[in-house]
């Protein structure tokens, strides 16, 4: 799963909160070129299995996100927004 976020600060905050609340592995990465819609963009990446739990935590903490994607394979993303 990939969630695009506008800034590295917000992405880092989201990853920290998710790790603390859910105890799962979360990576902060530059948004892949094909998904970046201009400007600075970072994403968090985690297992698709945690989609609903992460969505709840992000909502509870009012973390602003841009879009949600499932990863279908190397460089192939399905927009879930």
N, C-alpha and C. Protein backbone atom coordinates (compact mmCIF):
# COMPACT_ATOMS: atom_id res chain seq x y z
N UNK A 1 0.86 -1.16 0.00
CA UNK A 1 0.00 0.00 0.00
C UNK A 1 0.90 1.22 0.00
N UNK A 2 0.46 2.24 -0.70
CA UNK A 2 1.21 3.49 -0.79
C UNK A 2 0.22 4.63 -0.56
N UNK A 3 0.57 5.54 0.34
CA UNK A 3 -0.25 6.71 0.62
C UNK A 3 0.60 7.94 0.33
N UNK A 4 0.16 8.78 -0.60
CA UNK A 4 0.93 9.98 -0.93
C UNK A 4 0.58 11.09 0.05
N UNK A 5 1.64 11.81 0.45
CA UNK A 5 1.52 12.87 1.45
C UNK A 5 2.36 14.04 0.95
N UNK A 6 1.95 15.25 1.27
CA UNK A 6 2.58 16.44 0.71
C UNK A 6 3.98 16.77 1.17
N UNK A 7 4.35 16.41 2.39
CA UNK A 7 5.66 16.82 2.88
C UNK A 7 6.34 15.69 3.63
N UNK A 8 7.66 15.78 3.72
CA UNK A 8 8.43 14.77 4.44
C UNK A 8 8.10 14.83 5.94
N UNK A 9 7.82 16.01 6.45
CA UNK A 9 7.49 16.15 7.87
C UNK A 9 6.20 15.42 8.20
N UNK A 10 5.18 15.60 7.38
CA UNK A 10 3.89 14.94 7.61
C UNK A 10 4.01 13.44 7.40
N UNK A 11 4.76 13.03 6.39
CA UNK A 11 4.97 11.60 6.13
C UNK A 11 5.70 10.94 7.31
N UNK A 12 6.70 11.61 7.84
CA UNK A 12 7.44 11.08 9.00
C UNK A 12 6.54 10.99 10.22
N UNK A 13 5.73 12.00 10.42
CA UNK A 13 4.78 11.99 11.54
C UNK A 13 3.79 10.84 11.40
N UNK A 14 3.25 10.65 10.18
CA UNK A 14 2.31 9.56 9.94
C UNK A 14 2.96 8.21 10.23
N UNK A 15 4.17 8.02 9.74
CA UNK A 15 4.87 6.75 9.95
C UNK A 15 5.09 6.49 11.44
N UNK A 16 5.49 7.52 12.17
CA UNK A 16 5.73 7.38 13.61
C UNK A 16 4.45 7.00 14.35
N UNK A 17 3.36 7.68 14.03
CA UNK A 17 2.08 7.40 14.69
C UNK A 17 1.61 5.98 14.36
N UNK A 18 1.72 5.58 13.11
CA UNK A 18 1.28 4.23 12.70
C UNK A 18 2.13 3.16 13.39
N UNK A 19 3.44 3.36 13.43
CA UNK A 19 4.31 2.40 14.13
C UNK A 19 3.92 2.27 15.59
N UNK A 20 3.68 3.41 16.24
CA UNK A 20 3.33 3.41 17.66
C UNK A 20 1.96 2.76 17.90
N UNK A 21 0.97 3.13 17.09
CA UNK A 21 -0.40 2.65 17.31
C UNK A 21 -0.62 1.21 16.85
N UNK A 22 0.02 0.81 15.75
CA UNK A 22 -0.24 -0.50 15.17
C UNK A 22 0.94 -1.47 15.26
N UNK A 23 2.13 -0.95 15.53
CA UNK A 23 3.31 -1.80 15.63
C UNK A 23 3.72 -2.46 14.33
N UNK A 24 3.47 -1.77 13.21
CA UNK A 24 3.81 -2.35 11.90
C UNK A 24 4.95 -1.58 11.25
N UNK A 25 5.58 -2.20 10.28
CA UNK A 25 6.66 -1.58 9.53
C UNK A 25 6.09 -0.58 8.51
N UNK A 26 6.59 0.65 8.55
CA UNK A 26 6.16 1.71 7.63
C UNK A 26 7.42 2.38 7.09
N UNK A 27 7.49 2.56 5.78
CA UNK A 27 8.61 3.24 5.16
C UNK A 27 8.17 4.60 4.65
N UNK A 28 9.04 5.60 4.79
CA UNK A 28 8.82 6.92 4.19
C UNK A 28 9.69 6.96 2.94
N UNK A 29 9.08 7.23 1.79
CA UNK A 29 9.80 7.23 0.51
C UNK A 29 9.40 8.46 -0.31
N UNK A 30 10.24 8.81 -1.30
CA UNK A 30 9.82 9.80 -2.29
C UNK A 30 8.70 9.17 -3.10
N UNK A 31 7.68 9.93 -3.41
CA UNK A 31 6.58 9.42 -4.22
C UNK A 31 7.11 9.03 -5.59
N UNK A 32 6.76 7.82 -6.08
CA UNK A 32 7.21 7.41 -7.41
C UNK A 32 6.82 8.44 -8.47
N UNK A 33 7.69 8.63 -9.43
CA UNK A 33 7.52 9.66 -10.47
C UNK A 33 6.15 9.59 -11.14
N UNK A 34 5.69 8.39 -11.47
CA UNK A 34 4.42 8.27 -12.18
C UNK A 34 3.20 8.68 -11.33
N UNK A 35 3.38 8.80 -10.02
CA UNK A 35 2.28 9.19 -9.14
C UNK A 35 2.39 10.63 -8.65
N UNK A 36 3.56 11.22 -8.81
CA UNK A 36 3.79 12.57 -8.32
C UNK A 36 3.10 13.57 -9.23
N UNK A 37 2.21 14.34 -8.66
CA UNK A 37 1.43 15.30 -9.45
C UNK A 37 1.94 16.72 -9.28
N UNK A 38 3.23 16.85 -9.17
CA UNK A 38 3.84 18.17 -9.06
C UNK A 38 4.20 18.53 -7.63
N UNK A 39 5.26 19.28 -7.49
CA UNK A 39 5.69 19.72 -6.17
C UNK A 39 6.38 18.62 -5.39
N UNK A 40 6.71 18.95 -4.18
CA UNK A 40 7.37 18.01 -3.28
C UNK A 40 6.35 16.99 -2.79
N UNK A 41 6.67 15.73 -2.89
CA UNK A 41 5.73 14.73 -2.43
C UNK A 41 6.47 13.53 -1.86
N UNK A 42 6.00 13.07 -0.74
CA UNK A 42 6.53 11.87 -0.11
C UNK A 42 5.37 10.92 0.11
N UNK A 43 5.71 9.67 0.34
CA UNK A 43 4.69 8.66 0.56
C UNK A 43 5.09 7.79 1.73
N UNK A 44 4.10 7.12 2.28
CA UNK A 44 4.39 6.05 3.23
C UNK A 44 3.99 4.74 2.57
N UNK A 45 4.76 3.71 2.84
CA UNK A 45 4.52 2.39 2.25
C UNK A 45 4.41 1.38 3.39
N UNK A 46 3.41 0.50 3.27
CA UNK A 46 3.19 -0.54 4.27
C UNK A 46 2.42 -1.67 3.61
N UNK A 47 2.29 -2.79 4.30
CA UNK A 47 1.58 -3.95 3.75
C UNK A 47 0.11 -3.64 3.51
N UNK A 48 -0.41 -4.10 2.37
CA UNK A 48 -1.83 -3.92 2.03
C UNK A 48 -2.76 -4.48 3.12
N UNK A 49 -2.28 -5.45 3.88
CA UNK A 49 -3.10 -6.09 4.92
C UNK A 49 -3.57 -5.09 5.98
N UNK A 50 -2.86 -3.98 6.12
CA UNK A 50 -3.17 -3.01 7.17
C UNK A 50 -3.92 -1.79 6.67
N UNK A 51 -4.43 -1.85 5.46
CA UNK A 51 -5.08 -0.70 4.83
C UNK A 51 -6.12 -0.04 5.74
N UNK A 52 -7.08 -0.79 6.22
CA UNK A 52 -8.18 -0.21 7.01
C UNK A 52 -7.70 0.29 8.37
N UNK A 53 -6.78 -0.42 8.99
CA UNK A 53 -6.24 0.01 10.29
C UNK A 53 -5.46 1.31 10.14
N UNK A 54 -4.65 1.41 9.10
CA UNK A 54 -3.87 2.63 8.87
C UNK A 54 -4.82 3.78 8.54
N UNK A 55 -5.84 3.51 7.74
CA UNK A 55 -6.80 4.55 7.39
C UNK A 55 -7.47 5.12 8.64
N UNK A 56 -7.80 4.24 9.58
CA UNK A 56 -8.42 4.67 10.83
C UNK A 56 -7.47 5.54 11.64
N UNK A 57 -6.21 5.11 11.77
CA UNK A 57 -5.22 5.88 12.55
C UNK A 57 -4.99 7.25 11.91
N UNK A 58 -4.84 7.28 10.60
CA UNK A 58 -4.63 8.56 9.91
C UNK A 58 -5.82 9.49 10.11
N UNK A 59 -7.01 8.94 10.08
CA UNK A 59 -8.20 9.74 10.31
C UNK A 59 -8.26 10.23 11.77
N UNK A 60 -7.99 9.33 12.71
CA UNK A 60 -8.03 9.68 14.14
C UNK A 60 -7.06 10.81 14.46
N UNK A 61 -5.90 10.81 13.83
CA UNK A 61 -4.87 11.82 14.09
C UNK A 61 -4.95 13.01 13.13
N UNK A 62 -5.94 12.99 12.26
CA UNK A 62 -6.17 14.09 11.30
C UNK A 62 -4.93 14.41 10.48
N UNK A 63 -4.30 13.36 9.96
CA UNK A 63 -3.11 13.53 9.14
C UNK A 63 -3.56 13.73 7.69
N UNK A 64 -3.19 14.85 7.07
CA UNK A 64 -3.64 15.10 5.70
C UNK A 64 -2.88 14.23 4.69
N UNK A 65 -3.62 13.52 3.87
CA UNK A 65 -3.03 12.68 2.83
C UNK A 65 -3.62 13.08 1.48
N UNK A 66 -2.89 12.74 0.42
CA UNK A 66 -3.36 13.06 -0.93
C UNK A 66 -4.17 11.90 -1.52
N UNK A 67 -3.50 10.76 -1.73
CA UNK A 67 -4.16 9.64 -2.39
C UNK A 67 -3.69 8.32 -1.79
N UNK A 68 -4.52 7.29 -1.98
CA UNK A 68 -4.23 5.92 -1.53
C UNK A 68 -4.07 5.03 -2.75
N UNK A 69 -3.04 4.19 -2.75
CA UNK A 69 -2.78 3.27 -3.86
C UNK A 69 -2.46 1.87 -3.33
N UNK A 70 -2.98 0.86 -4.02
CA UNK A 70 -2.48 -0.49 -3.77
C UNK A 70 -1.39 -0.74 -4.80
N UNK A 71 -0.42 -1.56 -4.43
CA UNK A 71 0.67 -1.86 -5.35
C UNK A 71 0.38 -3.21 -6.00
N UNK A 72 0.21 -3.18 -7.32
CA UNK A 72 -0.12 -4.39 -8.07
C UNK A 72 1.12 -5.11 -8.56
N UNK A 73 2.25 -4.51 -8.45
CA UNK A 73 3.51 -5.09 -8.92
C UNK A 73 4.53 -3.98 -9.05
N UNK A 74 5.68 -4.31 -9.58
CA UNK A 74 6.75 -3.31 -9.71
C UNK A 74 6.30 -2.15 -10.59
N UNK A 75 6.08 -1.00 -9.96
CA UNK A 75 5.72 0.21 -10.71
C UNK A 75 4.29 0.26 -11.18
N UNK A 76 3.43 -0.65 -10.71
CA UNK A 76 2.02 -0.66 -11.12
C UNK A 76 1.17 -0.37 -9.87
N UNK A 77 0.40 0.73 -9.93
CA UNK A 77 -0.38 1.16 -8.79
C UNK A 77 -1.85 1.29 -9.17
N UNK A 78 -2.71 0.93 -8.22
CA UNK A 78 -4.16 1.03 -8.41
C UNK A 78 -4.67 2.12 -7.47
N UNK A 79 -5.24 3.20 -8.02
CA UNK A 79 -5.72 4.33 -7.23
C UNK A 79 -6.98 3.91 -6.46
N UNK A 80 -6.93 4.03 -5.13
CA UNK A 80 -8.06 3.66 -4.27
C UNK A 80 -8.77 4.88 -3.71
N UNK A 81 -8.35 6.07 -4.08
CA UNK A 81 -8.92 7.30 -3.51
C UNK A 81 -10.34 7.52 -3.96
